[in-house]
PDB file of N, CA and C in Angstrom:
ATOM      1  N   MET A   1     107.278 123.561 118.739  1.00  0.00           N
ATOM      2  CA  MET A   1     107.838 123.613 117.400  1.00  0.00           C
ATOM      3  C   MET A   1     107.674 122.285 116.666  1.00  0.00           C
ATOM      4  N   LYS A   2     107.728 121.164 117.418  1.00  0.00           N
ATOM      5  CA  LYS A   2     107.651 119.859 116.775  1.00  0.00           C
ATOM      6  C   LYS A   2     106.310 119.665 116.071  1.00  0.00           C
ATOM      7  N   TYR A   3     105.238 120.194 116.651  1.00  0.00           N
ATOM      8  CA  TYR A   3     103.928 120.039 116.014  1.00  0.00           C
ATOM      9  C   TYR A   3     103.730 121.033 114.874  1.00  0.00           C
ATOM     10  N   VAL A   4     104.437 122.148 114.914  1.00  0.00           N
ATOM     11  CA  VAL A   4     104.416 123.081 113.776  1.00  0.00           C
ATOM     12  C   VAL A   4     105.081 122.420 112.572  1.00  0.00           C
ATOM     13  N   LEU A   5     106.225 121.775 112.805  1.00  0.00           N
ATOM     14  CA  LEU A   5     106.895 121.062 111.721  1.00  0.00           C
ATOM     15  C   LEU A   5     106.034 119.932 111.176  1.00  0.00           C
ATOM     16  N   LEU A   6     105.346 119.235 112.076  1.00  0.00           N
ATOM     17  CA  LEU A   6     104.455 118.160 111.633  1.00  0.00           C
ATOM     18  C   LEU A   6     103.303 118.726 110.807  1.00  0.00           C
ATOM     19  N   ALA A   7     102.771 119.868 111.216  1.00  0.00           N
ATOM     20  CA  ALA A   7     101.696 120.514 110.453  1.00  0.00           C
ATOM     21  C   ALA A   7     102.184 120.931 109.068  1.00  0.00           C
ATOM     22  N   VAL A   8     103.389 121.479 108.994  1.00  0.00           N
ATOM     23  CA  VAL A   8     103.960 121.857 107.700  1.00  0.00           C
ATOM     24  C   VAL A   8     104.127 120.609 106.830  1.00  0.00           C
ATOM     25  N   ALA A   9     104.586 119.518 107.429  1.00  0.00           N
ATOM     26  CA  ALA A   9     104.752 118.264 106.693  1.00  0.00           C
ATOM     27  C   ALA A   9     103.410 117.781 106.138  1.00  0.00           C
ATOM     28  N   ILE A  10     102.383 117.843 106.954  1.00  0.00           N
ATOM     29  CA  ILE A  10     101.059 117.370 106.534  1.00  0.00           C
ATOM     30  C   ILE A  10     100.504 118.243 105.419  1.00  0.00           C
ATOM     31  N   VAL A  11     100.568 119.554 105.592  1.00  0.00           N
ATOM     32  CA  VAL A  11     100.038 120.471 104.571  1.00  0.00           C
ATOM     33  C   VAL A  11     100.809 120.318 103.261  1.00  0.00           C
ATOM     34  N   SER A  12     102.132 120.176 103.348  1.00  0.00           N
ATOM     35  CA  SER A  12     102.939 119.994 102.144  1.00  0.00           C
ATOM     36  C   SER A  12     102.566 118.701 101.421  1.00  0.00           C
ATOM     37  N   GLU A  13     102.345 117.648 102.188  1.00  0.00           N
ATOM     38  CA  GLU A  13     101.961 116.367 101.593  1.00  0.00           C
ATOM     39  C   GLU A  13     100.585 116.451 100.942  1.00  0.00           C
ATOM     40  N   VAL A  14      99.665 117.158 101.568  1.00  0.00           N
ATOM     41  CA  VAL A  14      98.321 117.325 101.009  1.00  0.00           C
ATOM     42  C   VAL A  14      98.392 118.125  99.702  1.00  0.00           C
ATOM     43  N   ILE A  15      99.182 119.171  99.688  1.00  0.00           N
ATOM     44  CA  ILE A  15      99.352 119.964  98.460  1.00  0.00           C
ATOM     45  C   ILE A  15      99.964 119.092  97.361  1.00  0.00           C
ATOM     46  N   ALA A  16     101.005 118.344  97.707  1.00  0.00           N
ATOM     47  CA  ALA A  16     101.665 117.491  96.721  1.00  0.00           C
ATOM     48  C   ALA A  16     100.716 116.423  96.185  1.00  0.00           C
ATOM     49  N   THR A  17      99.972 115.790  97.058  1.00  0.00           N
ATOM     50  CA  THR A  17      99.044 114.741  96.630  1.00  0.00           C
ATOM     51  C   THR A  17      97.933 115.316  95.768  1.00  0.00           C
ATOM     52  N   SER A  18      97.448 116.486  96.122  1.00  0.00           N
ATOM     53  CA  SER A  18      96.408 117.132  95.314  1.00  0.00           C
ATOM     54  C   SER A  18      96.941 117.509  93.940  1.00  0.00           C
ATOM     55  N   ALA A  19      98.182 117.949  93.871  1.00  0.00           N
ATOM     56  CA  ALA A  19      98.793 118.308  92.588  1.00  0.00           C
ATOM     57  C   ALA A  19      99.117 117.070  91.753  1.00  0.00           C
ATOM     58  N   LEU A  20      99.250 115.925  92.407  1.00  0.00           N
ATOM     59  CA  LEU A  20      99.562 114.694  91.695  1.00  0.00           C
ATOM     60  C   LEU A  20      98.502 114.369  90.641  1.00  0.00           C
ATOM     61  N   LYS A  21      97.244 114.569  90.993  1.00  0.00           N
ATOM     62  CA  LYS A  21      96.169 114.346  90.021  1.00  0.00           C
ATOM     63  C   LYS A  21      96.286 115.344  88.872  1.00  0.00           C
ATOM     64  N   ALA A  22      96.561 116.590  89.202  1.00  0.00           N
ATOM     65  CA  ALA A  22      96.668 117.628  88.171  1.00  0.00           C
ATOM     66  C   ALA A  22      97.891 117.434  87.271  1.00  0.00           C
ATOM     67  N   SER A  23      98.896 116.693  87.750  1.00  0.00           N
ATOM     68  CA  SER A  23     100.100 116.485  86.943  1.00  0.00           C
ATOM     69  C   SER A  23      99.849 115.553  85.764  1.00  0.00           C
ATOM     70  N   GLU A  24      98.734 114.838  85.808  1.00  0.00           N
ATOM     71  CA  GLU A  24      98.361 113.910  84.731  1.00  0.00           C
ATOM     72  C   GLU A  24      99.512 112.980  84.373  1.00  0.00           C
ATOM     73  N   GLY A  25      99.958 112.233  85.399  1.00  0.00           N
ATOM     74  CA  GLY A  25     101.041 111.278  85.177  1.00  0.00           C
ATOM     75  C   GLY A  25     102.377 111.935  84.916  1.00  0.00           C
ATOM     76  N   PHE A  26     102.604 113.075  85.529  1.00  0.00           N
ATOM     77  CA  PHE A  26     103.827 113.872  85.374  1.00  0.00           C
ATOM     78  C   PHE A  26     104.014 114.366  83.943  1.00  0.00           C
ATOM     79  N   SER A  27     102.906 114.532  83.226  1.00  0.00           N
ATOM     80  CA  SER A  27     103.001 115.062  81.860  1.00  0.00           C
ATOM     81  C   SER A  27     102.833 116.578  81.818  1.00  0.00           C
ATOM     82  N   ARG A  28     102.439 117.188  82.939  1.00  0.00           N
ATOM     83  CA  ARG A  28     102.306 118.643  83.027  1.00  0.00           C
ATOM     84  C   ARG A  28     103.377 119.167  83.987  1.00  0.00           C
ATOM     85  N   THR A  29     104.183 120.091  83.517  1.00  0.00           N
ATOM     86  CA  THR A  29     105.358 120.557  84.257  1.00  0.00           C
ATOM     87  C   THR A  29     105.014 121.249  85.573  1.00  0.00           C
ATOM     88  N   GLY A  30     104.121 122.222  85.551  1.00  0.00           N
ATOM     89  CA  GLY A  30     103.800 122.993  86.765  1.00  0.00           C
ATOM     90  C   GLY A  30     103.350 122.122  87.922  1.00  0.00           C
ATOM     91  N   PRO A  31     102.269 121.346  87.743  1.00  0.00           N
ATOM     92  CA  PRO A  31     101.829 120.473  88.834  1.00  0.00           C
ATOM     93  C   PRO A  31     102.887 119.434  89.229  1.00  0.00           C
ATOM     94  N   SER A  32     103.667 118.966  88.266  1.00  0.00           N
ATOM     95  CA  SER A  32     104.715 117.983  88.575  1.00  0.00           C
ATOM     96  C   SER A  32     105.771 118.584  89.497  1.00  0.00           C
ATOM     97  N   LEU A  33     106.150 119.841  89.258  1.00  0.00           N
ATOM     98  CA  LEU A  33     107.118 120.515  90.131  1.00  0.00           C
ATOM     99  C   LEU A  33     106.550 120.724  91.531  1.00  0.00           C
ATOM    100  N   ILE A  34     105.248 121.015  91.617  1.00  0.00           N
ATOM    101  CA  ILE A  34     104.588 121.155  92.924  1.00  0.00           C
ATOM    102  C   ILE A  34     104.624 119.827  93.669  1.00  0.00           C
ATOM    103  N   VAL A  35     104.384 118.733  92.965  1.00  0.00           N
ATOM    104  CA  VAL A  35     104.425 117.405  93.586  1.00  0.00           C
ATOM    105  C   VAL A  35     105.815 117.137  94.168  1.00  0.00           C
ATOM    106  N   ILE A  36     106.834 117.350  93.372  1.00  0.00           N
ATOM    107  CA  ILE A  36     108.205 117.067  93.807  1.00  0.00           C
ATOM    108  C   ILE A  36     108.601 117.953  94.993  1.00  0.00           C
ATOM    109  N   ALA A  37     108.330 119.245  94.890  1.00  0.00           N
ATOM    110  CA  ALA A  37     108.668 120.162  95.988  1.00  0.00           C
ATOM    111  C   ALA A  37     107.851 119.848  97.236  1.00  0.00           C
ATOM    112  N   GLY A  38     106.568 119.588  97.052  1.00  0.00           N
ATOM    113  CA  GLY A  38     105.693 119.306  98.193  1.00  0.00           C
ATOM    114  C   GLY A  38     106.116 118.076  98.963  1.00  0.00           C
ATOM    115  N   TYR A  39     106.394 116.987  98.239  1.00  0.00           N
ATOM    116  CA  TYR A  39     106.838 115.770  98.927  1.00  0.00           C
ATOM    117  C   TYR A  39     108.213 115.958  99.554  1.00  0.00           C
ATOM    118  N   GLY A  40     109.096 116.711  98.899  1.00  0.00           N
ATOM    119  CA  GLY A  40     110.417 116.978  99.479  1.00  0.00           C
ATOM    120  C   GLY A  40     110.300 117.716 100.807  1.00  0.00           C
ATOM    121  N   ILE A  41     109.507 118.764 100.829  1.00  0.00           N
ATOM    122  CA  ILE A  41     109.285 119.540 102.060  1.00  0.00           C
ATOM    123  C   ILE A  41     108.617 118.668 103.112  1.00  0.00           C
ATOM    124  N   ALA A  42     107.615 117.902 102.685  1.00  0.00           N
ATOM    125  CA  ALA A  42     106.859 117.066 103.621  1.00  0.00           C
ATOM    126  C   ALA A  42     107.765 116.059 104.326  1.00  0.00           C
ATOM    127  N   PHE A  43     108.562 115.335 103.563  1.00  0.00           N
ATOM    128  CA  PHE A  43     109.404 114.309 104.175  1.00  0.00           C
ATOM    129  C   PHE A  43     110.548 114.918 104.981  1.00  0.00           C
ATOM    130  N   TYR A  44     111.060 116.057 104.556  1.00  0.00           N
ATOM    131  CA  TYR A  44     112.096 116.724 105.342  1.00  0.00           C
ATOM    132  C   TYR A  44     111.535 117.150 106.707  1.00  0.00           C
ATOM    133  N   CYS A  45     110.387 117.810 106.697  1.00  0.00           N
ATOM    134  CA  CYS A  45     109.781 118.262 107.960  1.00  0.00           C
ATOM    135  C   CYS A  45     109.374 117.079 108.832  1.00  0.00           C
ATOM    136  N   LEU A  46     108.846 116.022 108.214  1.00  0.00           N
ATOM    137  CA  LEU A  46     108.487 114.830 108.988  1.00  0.00           C
ATOM    138  C   LEU A  46     109.736 114.241 109.641  1.00  0.00           C
ATOM    139  N   SER A  47     110.837 114.199 108.915  1.00  0.00           N
ATOM    140  CA  SER A  47     112.067 113.644 109.490  1.00  0.00           C
ATOM    141  C   SER A  47     112.534 114.459 110.697  1.00  0.00           C
ATOM    142  N   LEU A  48     112.334 115.768 110.661  1.00  0.00           N
ATOM    143  CA  LEU A  48     112.710 116.609 111.799  1.00  0.00           C
ATOM    144  C   LEU A  48     111.808 116.354 113.006  1.00  0.00           C
ATOM    145  N   THR A  49     110.531 116.112 112.757  1.00  0.00           N
ATOM    146  CA  THR A  49     109.623 115.851 113.883  1.00  0.00           C
ATOM    147  C   THR A  49     109.951 114.543 114.576  1.00  0.00           C
ATOM    148  N   LEU A  50     110.525 113.593 113.834  1.00  0.00           N
ATOM    149  CA  LEU A  50     110.817 112.286 114.426  1.00  0.00           C
ATOM    150  C   LEU A  50     111.960 112.342 115.431  1.00  0.00           C
ATOM    151  N   LYS A  51     112.623 113.492 115.530  1.00  0.00           N
ATOM    152  CA  LYS A  51     113.635 113.670 116.571  1.00  0.00           C
ATOM    153  C   LYS A  51     112.984 113.814 117.939  1.00  0.00           C
ATOM    154  N   SER A  52     111.714 114.260 117.966  1.00  0.00           N
ATOM    155  CA  SER A  52     111.074 114.517 119.254  1.00  0.00           C
ATOM    156  C   SER A  52     109.691 113.884 119.414  1.00  0.00           C
ATOM    157  N   ILE A  53     109.128 113.331 118.355  1.00  0.00           N
ATOM    158  CA  ILE A  53     107.838 112.660 118.442  1.00  0.00           C
ATOM    159  C   ILE A  53     108.052 111.205 118.024  1.00  0.00           C
ATOM    160  N   PRO A  54     107.553 110.233 118.797  1.00  0.00           N
ATOM    161  CA  PRO A  54     107.700 108.832 118.390  1.00  0.00           C
ATOM    162  C   PRO A  54     107.111 108.600 116.992  1.00  0.00           C
ATOM    163  N   VAL A  55     107.771 107.741 116.219  1.00  0.00           N
ATOM    164  CA  VAL A  55     107.385 107.542 114.823  1.00  0.00           C
ATOM    165  C   VAL A  55     105.934 107.079 114.678  1.00  0.00           C
ATOM    166  N   GLY A  56     105.470 106.208 115.544  1.00  0.00           N
ATOM    167  CA  GLY A  56     104.087 105.727 115.457  1.00  0.00           C
ATOM    168  C   GLY A  56     103.072 106.829 115.679  1.00  0.00           C
ATOM    169  N   ILE A  57     103.353 107.702 116.615  1.00  0.00           N
ATOM    170  CA  ILE A  57     102.449 108.811 116.923  1.00  0.00           C
ATOM    171  C   ILE A  57     102.472 109.825 115.778  1.00  0.00           C
ATOM    172  N   ALA A  58     103.673 110.176 115.327  1.00  0.00           N
ATOM    173  CA  ALA A  58     103.785 111.140 114.215  1.00  0.00           C
ATOM    174  C   ALA A  58     103.072 110.604 112.979  1.00  0.00           C
ATOM    175  N   TYR A  59     103.253 109.323 112.696  1.00  0.00           N
ATOM    176  CA  TYR A  59     102.641 108.757 111.496  1.00  0.00           C
ATOM    177  C   TYR A  59     101.128 108.653 111.635  1.00  0.00           C
ATOM    178  N   ALA A  60     100.640 108.386 112.838  1.00  0.00           N
ATOM    179  CA  ALA A  60      99.185 108.350 113.060  1.00  0.00           C
ATOM    180  C   ALA A  60      98.567 109.715 112.778  1.00  0.00           C
ATOM    181  N   ILE A  61      99.201 110.752 113.263  1.00  0.00           N
ATOM    182  CA  ILE A  61      98.711 112.112 113.027  1.00  0.00           C
ATOM    183  C   ILE A  61      98.831 112.455 111.551  1.00  0.00           C
ATOM    184  N   TRP A  62      99.987 112.177 110.963  1.00  0.00           N
ATOM    185  CA  TRP A  62     100.267 112.451 109.554  1.00  0.00           C
ATOM    186  C   TRP A  62      99.221 111.781 108.661  1.00  0.00           C
ATOM    187  N   SER A  63      99.046 110.495 108.842  1.00  0.00           N
ATOM    188  CA  SER A  63      98.150 109.763 107.942  1.00  0.00           C
ATOM    189  C   SER A  63      96.686 110.094 108.203  1.00  0.00           C
ATOM    190  N   GLY A  64      96.313 110.219 109.462  1.00  0.00           N
ATOM    191  CA  GLY A  64      94.921 110.526 109.789  1.00  0.00           C
ATOM    192  C   GLY A  64      94.475 111.867 109.242  1.00  0.00           C
ATOM    193  N   LEU A  65      95.235 112.890 109.537  1.00  0.00           N
ATOM    194  CA  LEU A  65      94.882 114.219 109.031  1.00  0.00           C
ATOM    195  C   LEU A  65      95.066 114.315 107.526  1.00  0.00           C
ATOM    196  N   GLY A  66      96.077 113.618 107.017  1.00  0.00           N
ATOM    197  CA  GLY A  66      96.307 113.615 105.574  1.00  0.00           C
ATOM    198  C   GLY A  66      95.121 113.042 104.808  1.00  0.00           C
ATOM    199  N   ILE A  67      94.564 111.938 105.299  1.00  0.00           N
ATOM    200  CA  ILE A  67      93.401 111.327 104.647  1.00  0.00           C
ATOM    201  C   ILE A  67      92.239 112.307 104.598  1.00  0.00           C
ATOM    202  N   VAL A  68      91.965 112.936 105.701  1.00  0.00           N
ATOM    203  CA  VAL A  68      90.838 113.872 105.771  1.00  0.00           C
ATOM    204  C   VAL A  68      91.077 115.084 104.865  1.00  0.00           C
ATOM    205  N   LEU A  69      92.263 115.658 104.942  1.00  0.00           N
ATOM    206  CA  LEU A  69      92.550 116.860 104.151  1.00  0.00           C
ATOM    207  C   LEU A  69      92.631 116.578 102.655  1.00  0.00           C
ATOM    208  N   VAL A  70      93.207 115.438 102.263  1.00  0.00           N
ATOM    209  CA  VAL A  70      93.255 115.090 100.838  1.00  0.00           C
ATOM    210  C   VAL A  70      91.846 114.830 100.319  1.00  0.00           C
ATOM    211  N   SER A  71      91.017 114.189 101.125  1.00  0.00           N
ATOM    212  CA  SER A  71      89.628 113.959 100.721  1.00  0.00           C
ATOM    213  C   SER A  71      88.874 115.274 100.564  1.00  0.00           C
ATOM    214  N   ALA A  72      89.114 116.201 101.480  1.00  0.00           N
ATOM    215  CA  ALA A  72      88.482 117.523 101.376  1.00  0.00           C
ATOM    216  C   ALA A  72      88.983 118.262 100.138  1.00  0.00           C
ATOM    217  N   ALA A  73      90.273 118.172  99.856  1.00  0.00           N
ATOM    218  CA  ALA A  73      90.824 118.817  98.663  1.00  0.00           C
ATOM    219  C   ALA A  73      90.230 118.199  97.399  1.00  0.00           C
ATOM    220  N   GLY A  74      90.079 116.886  97.373  1.00  0.00           N
ATOM    221  CA  GLY A  74      89.464 116.221  96.224  1.00  0.00           C
ATOM    222  C   GLY A  74      88.036 116.667  96.007  1.00  0.00           C
ATOM    223  N   TRP A  75      87.327 116.863  97.102  1.00  0.00           N
ATOM    224  CA  TRP A  75      85.934 117.316  97.039  1.00  0.00           C
ATOM    225  C   TRP A  75      85.864 118.747  96.497  1.00  0.00           C
ATOM    226  N   ILE A  76      86.765 119.621  96.997  1.00  0.00           N
ATOM    227  CA  ILE A  76      86.741 121.032  96.606  1.00  0.00           C
ATOM    228  C   ILE A  76      87.335 121.233  95.209  1.00  0.00           C
ATOM    229  N   LEU A  77      88.510 120.672  94.955  1.00  0.00           N
ATOM    230  CA  LEU A  77      89.220 120.937  93.709  1.00  0.00           C
ATOM    231  C   LEU A  77      88.718 120.115  92.522  1.00  0.00           C
ATOM    232  N   TYR A  78      88.354 118.870  92.796  1.00  0.00           N
ATOM    233  CA  TYR A  78      88.026 117.960  91.704  1.00  0.00           C
ATOM    234  C   TYR A  78      86.576 117.492  91.714  1.00  0.00           C
ATOM    235  N   LYS A  79      85.773 118.073  92.612  1.00  0.00           N
ATOM    236  CA  LYS A  79      84.342 117.751  92.705  1.00  0.00           C
ATOM    237  C   LYS A  79      84.094 116.262  92.944  1.00  0.00           C
ATOM    238  N   GLN A  80      84.999 115.610  93.677  1.00  0.00           N
ATOM    239  CA  GLN A  80      84.842 114.203  93.997  1.00  0.00           C
ATOM    240  C   GLN A  80      83.898 114.069  95.185  1.00  0.00           C
ATOM    241  N   LYS A  81      82.951 113.174  95.081  1.00  0.00           N
ATOM    242  CA  LYS A  81      81.920 112.989  96.107  1.00  0.00           C
ATOM    243  C   LYS A  81      82.416 112.077  97.223  1.00  0.00           C
ATOM    244  N   LEU A  82      81.958 112.360  98.430  1.00  0.00           N
ATOM    245  CA  LEU A  82      82.199 111.506  99.580  1.00  0.00           C
ATOM    246  C   LEU A  82      80.851 110.983 100.070  1.00  0.00           C
ATOM    247  N   ASP A  83      80.712 109.667 100.151  1.00  0.00           N
ATOM    248  CA  ASP A  83      79.451 109.116 100.649  1.00  0.00           C
ATOM    249  C   ASP A  83      79.492 109.025 102.173  1.00  0.00           C
ATOM    250  N   ALA A  84      78.375 108.592 102.747  1.00  0.00           N
ATOM    251  CA  ALA A  84      78.256 108.529 104.211  1.00  0.00           C
ATOM    252  C   ALA A  84      79.314 107.623 104.819  1.00  0.00           C
ATOM    253  N   GLY A  85      79.581 106.492 104.173  1.00  0.00           N
ATOM    254  CA  GLY A  85      80.590 105.570 104.693  1.00  0.00           C
ATOM    255  C   GLY A  85      81.970 106.204 104.757  1.00  0.00           C
ATOM    256  N   ALA A  86      82.332 106.961 103.732  1.00  0.00           N
ATOM    257  CA  ALA A  86      83.633 107.631 103.708  1.00  0.00           C
ATOM    258  C   ALA A  86      83.718 108.686 104.808  1.00  0.00           C
ATOM    259  N   ILE A  87      82.660 109.439 104.966  1.00  0.00           N
ATOM    260  CA  ILE A  87      82.657 110.490 105.994  1.00  0.00           C
ATOM    261  C   ILE A  87      82.725 109.882 107.390  1.00  0.00           C
ATOM    262  N   ILE A  88      81.938 108.847 107.634  1.00  0.00           N
ATOM    263  CA  ILE A  88      81.968 108.182 108.945  1.00  0.00           C
ATOM    264  C   ILE A  88      83.347 107.589 109.210  1.00  0.00           C
ATOM    265  N   GLY A  89      83.924 106.947 108.208  1.00  0.00           N
ATOM    266  CA  GLY A  89      85.262 106.377 108.365  1.00  0.00           C
ATOM    267  C   GLY A  89      86.295 107.424 108.706  1.00  0.00           C
ATOM    268  N   MET A  90      86.230 108.565 108.031  1.00  0.00           N
ATOM    269  CA  MET A  90      87.186 109.636 108.317  1.00  0.00           C
ATOM    270  C   MET A  90      86.970 110.222 109.711  1.00  0.00           C
ATOM    271  N   LEU A  91      85.729 110.320 110.142  1.00  0.00           N
ATOM    272  CA  LEU A  91      85.464 110.795 111.505  1.00  0.00           C
ATOM    273  C   LEU A  91      86.057 109.829 112.529  1.00  0.00           C
ATOM    274  N   LEU A  92      85.975 108.542 112.243  1.00  0.00           N
ATOM    275  CA  LEU A  92      86.569 107.551 113.149  1.00  0.00           C
ATOM    276  C   LEU A  92      88.095 107.671 113.170  1.00  0.00           C
ATOM    277  N   ILE A  93      88.686 107.952 112.030  1.00  0.00           N
ATOM    278  CA  ILE A  93      90.139 108.150 111.979  1.00  0.00           C
ATOM    279  C   ILE A  93      90.536 109.354 112.820  1.00  0.00           C
ATOM    280  N   VAL A  94      89.825 110.462 112.659  1.00  0.00           N
ATOM    281  CA  VAL A  94      90.110 111.665 113.452  1.00  0.00           C
ATOM    282  C   VAL A  94      89.914 111.369 114.939  1.00  0.00           C
ATOM    283  N   ALA A  95      88.861 110.643 115.275  1.00  0.00           N
ATOM    284  CA  ALA A  95      88.636 110.278 116.677  1.00  0.00           C
ATOM    285  C   ALA A  95      89.800 109.448 117.202  1.00  0.00           C
ATOM    286  N   GLY A  96      90.313 108.534 116.389  1.00  0.00           N
ATOM    287  CA  GLY A  96      91.457 107.724 116.796  1.00  0.00           C
ATOM    288  C   GLY A  96      92.695 108.557 117.049  1.00  0.00           C
ATOM    289  N   VAL A  97      92.951 109.520 116.198  1.00  0.00           N
ATOM    290  CA  VAL A  97      94.109 110.407 116.380  1.00  0.00           C
ATOM    291  C   VAL A  97      93.949 111.208 117.670  1.00  0.00           C
ATOM    292  N   ILE A  98      92.744 111.679 117.937  1.00  0.00           N
ATOM    293  CA  ILE A  98      92.489 112.430 119.175  1.00  0.00           C
ATOM    294  C   ILE A  98      92.709 111.543 120.394  1.00  0.00           C
ATOM    295  N   VAL A  99      92.195 110.323 120.358  1.00  0.00           N
ATOM    296  CA  VAL A  99      92.356 109.395 121.485  1.00  0.00           C
ATOM    297  C   VAL A  99      93.836 109.132 121.741  1.00  0.00           C
ATOM    298  N   VAL A 100      94.591 108.874 120.691  1.00  0.00           N
ATOM    299  CA  VAL A 100      96.026 108.610 120.849  1.00  0.00           C
ATOM    300  C   VAL A 100      96.715 109.804 121.497  1.00  0.00           C
ATOM    301  N   ASN A 101      96.394 111.004 121.050  1.00  0.00           N
ATOM    302  CA  ASN A 101      97.085 112.189 121.561  1.00  0.00           C
ATOM    303  C   ASN A 101      96.626 112.622 122.939  1.00  0.00           C
ATOM    304  N   VAL A 102      95.382 112.369 123.273  1.00  0.00           N
ATOM    305  CA  VAL A 102      94.871 112.822 124.566  1.00  0.00           C
ATOM    306  C   VAL A 102      95.076 111.773 125.664  1.00  0.00           C
ATOM    307  N   PHE A 103      94.880 110.501 125.332  1.00  0.00           N
ATOM    308  CA  PHE A 103      94.865 109.471 126.362  1.00  0.00           C
ATOM    309  C   PHE A 103      96.085 108.556 126.403  1.00  0.00           C
ATOM    310  N   SER A 104      96.905 108.569 125.381  1.00  0.00           N
ATOM    311  CA  SER A 104      98.040 107.653 125.348  1.00  0.00           C
ATOM    312  C   SER A 104      99.269 108.289 125.988  1.00  0.00           C
ATOM    313  N   LYS A 105      99.964 107.518 126.767  1.00  0.00           N
ATOM    314  CA  LYS A 105     101.224 107.975 127.338  1.00  0.00           C
ATOM    315  C   LYS A 105     102.360 107.850 126.321  1.00  0.00           C
ATOM    316  N   SER A 106     102.084 107.220 125.166  1.00  0.00           N
ATOM    317  CA  SER A 106     103.092 107.058 124.111  1.00  0.00           C
ATOM    318  C   SER A 106     103.496 108.364 123.493  1.00  0.00           C
ATOM    319  N   THR A 107     102.646 109.388 123.600  1.00  0.00           N
ATOM    320  CA  THR A 107     102.956 110.671 122.972  1.00  0.00           C
ATOM    321  C   THR A 107     104.045 111.416 123.723  1.00  0.00           C
ATOM    322  N   GLU A 108     104.301 111.028 124.967  1.00  0.00           N
ATOM    323  CA  GLU A 108     105.364 111.667 125.744  1.00  0.00           C
ATOM    324  C   GLU A 108     106.703 111.113 125.293  1.00  0.00           C
ATOM    325  N   HIS A 109     107.676 111.988 125.239  1.00  0.00           N
ATOM    326  CA  HIS A 109     108.994 111.525 124.783  1.00  0.00           C
ATOM    327  C   HIS A 109     110.059 111.966 125.758  1.00  0.00           C
TER     328      HIS A 109
END
């Protein structure tokens, strides 16, 4: 359940961050409400995961996957380009998250 909550937190944060651009500085009501609700859900679910996942591990997963998913959303929704350096960097971030979760004893609580 702890990783389901973390996944909900990550997806909510990605939705909120993607809507942040569409809110145009909070001048558009619909996207602005999505931003507020998304971040509220994200931080609430993240706070629940911290009861059973160490904060460093949860944040590594949160930020690593968040970077990749927000970049993918920017590419799909806003036609923002990713160059080779950005893609390689994101692959390294994902590799780091995998290494932490598979090989680190820190993930045990």
